[in-house]
Amino acid sequence: MVISDLNNGDNFKIKNVKLRGEIGKRLADMGFSKNVEGKVIRSALLGDPIQVKIMDYNISIRKSEAEGVSVELIGK
């Protein structure tokens, strides 16, 4: 499961980030790393971008970036 599969309000725990290069590094710098918990706040009408709350701040990421972050659902 990846972040883009989740619905608004879903809580998740990051399993791994599959993105490489600059995008993967940027996400890691913003806190997207293994075992970090977050929440999907909302997504745009067509699912791009997706707003997530991670480490007490909100981040908007592209759907293509969200598809590169494996997560597990941890409930609401």
C-alpha atoms as a PDB file:
ATOM      1  CA  MET A   1       0.000   0.000   0.000  1.00  0.00           C
ATOM      2  CA  VAL A   2       1.218   3.517  -0.786  1.00  0.00           C
ATOM      3  CA  ILE A   3       0.123   6.944   0.450  1.00  0.00           C
ATOM      4  CA  SER A   4      -1.920   7.633  -2.688  1.00  0.00           C
ATOM      5  CA  ASP A   5      -4.087   4.566  -1.850  1.00  0.00           C
ATOM      6  CA  LEU A   6      -5.210   6.084   1.453  1.00  0.00           C
ATOM      7  CA  ASN A   7      -8.339   8.126   2.139  1.00  0.00           C
ATOM      8  CA  ASN A   8      -8.683  11.454   3.915  1.00  0.00           C
ATOM      9  CA  GLY A   9      -8.228  11.002   7.661  1.00  0.00           C
ATOM     10  CA  ASP A  10      -6.288   7.727   7.435  1.00  0.00           C
ATOM     11  CA  ASN A  11      -3.295   7.321   9.744  1.00  0.00           C
ATOM     12  CA  PHE A  12      -0.263   5.488   8.456  1.00  0.00           C
ATOM     13  CA  LYS A  13       3.244   4.335   9.327  1.00  0.00           C
ATOM     14  CA  ILE A  14       5.938   4.559   6.661  1.00  0.00           C
ATOM     15  CA  LYS A  15       7.505   1.231   5.714  1.00  0.00           C
ATOM     16  CA  ASN A  16       9.982   2.571   3.146  1.00  0.00           C
ATOM     17  CA  VAL A  17      10.553   5.230   0.498  1.00  0.00           C
ATOM     18  CA  LYS A  18      11.145   3.706  -2.928  1.00  0.00           C
ATOM     19  CA  LEU A  19      12.032   6.979  -4.646  1.00  0.00           C
ATOM     20  CA  ARG A  20      15.671   7.595  -5.492  1.00  0.00           C
ATOM     21  CA  GLY A  21      17.657  10.665  -6.394  1.00  0.00           C
ATOM     22  CA  GLU A  22      16.769  14.220  -5.440  1.00  0.00           C
ATOM     23  CA  ILE A  23      13.076  13.524  -4.783  1.00  0.00           C
ATOM     24  CA  GLY A  24      13.846  10.663  -2.376  1.00  0.00           C
ATOM     25  CA  LYS A  25      16.424  12.793  -0.584  1.00  0.00           C
ATOM     26  CA  ARG A  26      14.010  15.702  -0.235  1.00  0.00           C
ATOM     27  CA  LEU A  27      11.297  13.478   1.188  1.00  0.00           C
ATOM     28  CA  ALA A  28      13.792  11.987   3.658  1.00  0.00           C
ATOM     29  CA  ASP A  29      14.828  15.507   4.702  1.00  0.00           C
ATOM     30  CA  MET A  30      11.161  16.331   5.375  1.00  0.00           C
ATOM     31  CA  GLY A  31      10.768  13.315   7.656  1.00  0.00           C
ATOM     32  CA  PHE A  32       9.615  10.561   5.315  1.00  0.00           C
ATOM     33  CA  SER A  33      11.584   7.676   6.777  1.00  0.00           C
ATOM     34  CA  LYS A  34      10.886   4.202   8.143  1.00  0.00           C
ATOM     35  CA  ASN A  35       8.472   3.916  11.107  1.00  0.00           C
ATOM     36  CA  VAL A  36       7.460   7.588  11.057  1.00  0.00           C
ATOM     37  CA  GLU A  37       3.714   8.024  11.525  1.00  0.00           C
ATOM     38  CA  GLY A  38       1.542  10.437   9.592  1.00  0.00           C
ATOM     39  CA  LYS A  39      -2.001  11.256   8.572  1.00  0.00           C
ATOM     40  CA  VAL A  40      -3.647  12.066   5.244  1.00  0.00           C
ATOM     41  CA  ILE A  41      -5.341  15.432   5.705  1.00  0.00           C
ATOM     42  CA  ARG A  42      -6.909  15.773   2.263  1.00  0.00           C
ATOM     43  CA  SER A  43      -6.322  15.306  -1.413  1.00  0.00           C
ATOM     44  CA  ALA A  44      -7.313  17.429  -4.373  1.00  0.00           C
ATOM     45  CA  LEU A  45     -10.288  16.502  -6.506  1.00  0.00           C
ATOM     46  CA  LEU A  46      -8.264  14.339  -8.886  1.00  0.00           C
ATOM     47  CA  GLY A  47      -5.918  13.112  -6.146  1.00  0.00           C
ATOM     48  CA  ASP A  48      -3.031  15.439  -6.927  1.00  0.00           C
ATOM     49  CA  PRO A  49      -1.573  16.909  -4.694  1.00  0.00           C
ATOM     50  CA  ILE A  50      -2.084  15.098  -1.383  1.00  0.00           C
ATOM     51  CA  GLN A  51      -1.720  16.935   1.918  1.00  0.00           C
ATOM     52  CA  VAL A  52      -0.235  14.861   4.747  1.00  0.00           C
ATOM     53  CA  LYS A  53       0.645  15.693   8.322  1.00  0.00           C
ATOM     54  CA  ILE A  54       3.966  14.246   9.378  1.00  0.00           C
ATOM     55  CA  MET A  55       6.107  15.164  12.387  1.00  0.00           C
ATOM     56  CA  ASP A  56       3.673  17.950  13.386  1.00  0.00           C
ATOM     57  CA  TYR A  57       3.718  19.817  10.084  1.00  0.00           C
ATOM     58  CA  ASN A  58       1.692  19.673   6.880  1.00  0.00           C
ATOM     59  CA  ILE A  59       3.242  18.790   3.540  1.00  0.00           C
ATOM     60  CA  SER A  60       1.672  18.659   0.100  1.00  0.00           C
ATOM     61  CA  ILE A  61       3.194  16.022  -2.156  1.00  0.00           C
ATOM     62  CA  ARG A  62       2.469  15.047  -5.726  1.00  0.00           C
ATOM     63  CA  LYS A  63       0.570  11.861  -6.408  1.00  0.00           C
ATOM     64  CA  SER A  64       3.610  10.474  -8.235  1.00  0.00           C
ATOM     65  CA  GLU A  65       5.707  11.051  -5.107  1.00  0.00           C
ATOM     66  CA  ALA A  66       3.026   9.531  -2.852  1.00  0.00           C
ATOM     67  CA  GLU A  67       3.093   6.389  -4.998  1.00  0.00           C
ATOM     68  CA  GLY A  68       6.753   5.933  -4.070  1.00  0.00           C
ATOM     69  CA  VAL A  69       6.155   5.799  -0.304  1.00  0.00           C
ATOM     70  CA  SER A  70       5.090   2.379   1.053  1.00  0.00           C
ATOM     71  CA  VAL A  71       2.962   2.578   4.182  1.00  0.00           C
ATOM     72  CA  GLU A  72       0.843   0.476   6.476  1.00  0.00           C
ATOM     73  CA  LEU A  73      -2.550   1.653   7.678  1.00  0.00           C
ATOM     74  CA  ILE A  74      -2.692   2.072  11.462  1.00  0.00           C
ATOM     75  CA  GLY A  75      -6.304   3.168  11.947  1.00  0.00           C
ATOM     76  CA  LYS A  76      -8.075   6.445  12.505  1.00  0.00           C
END
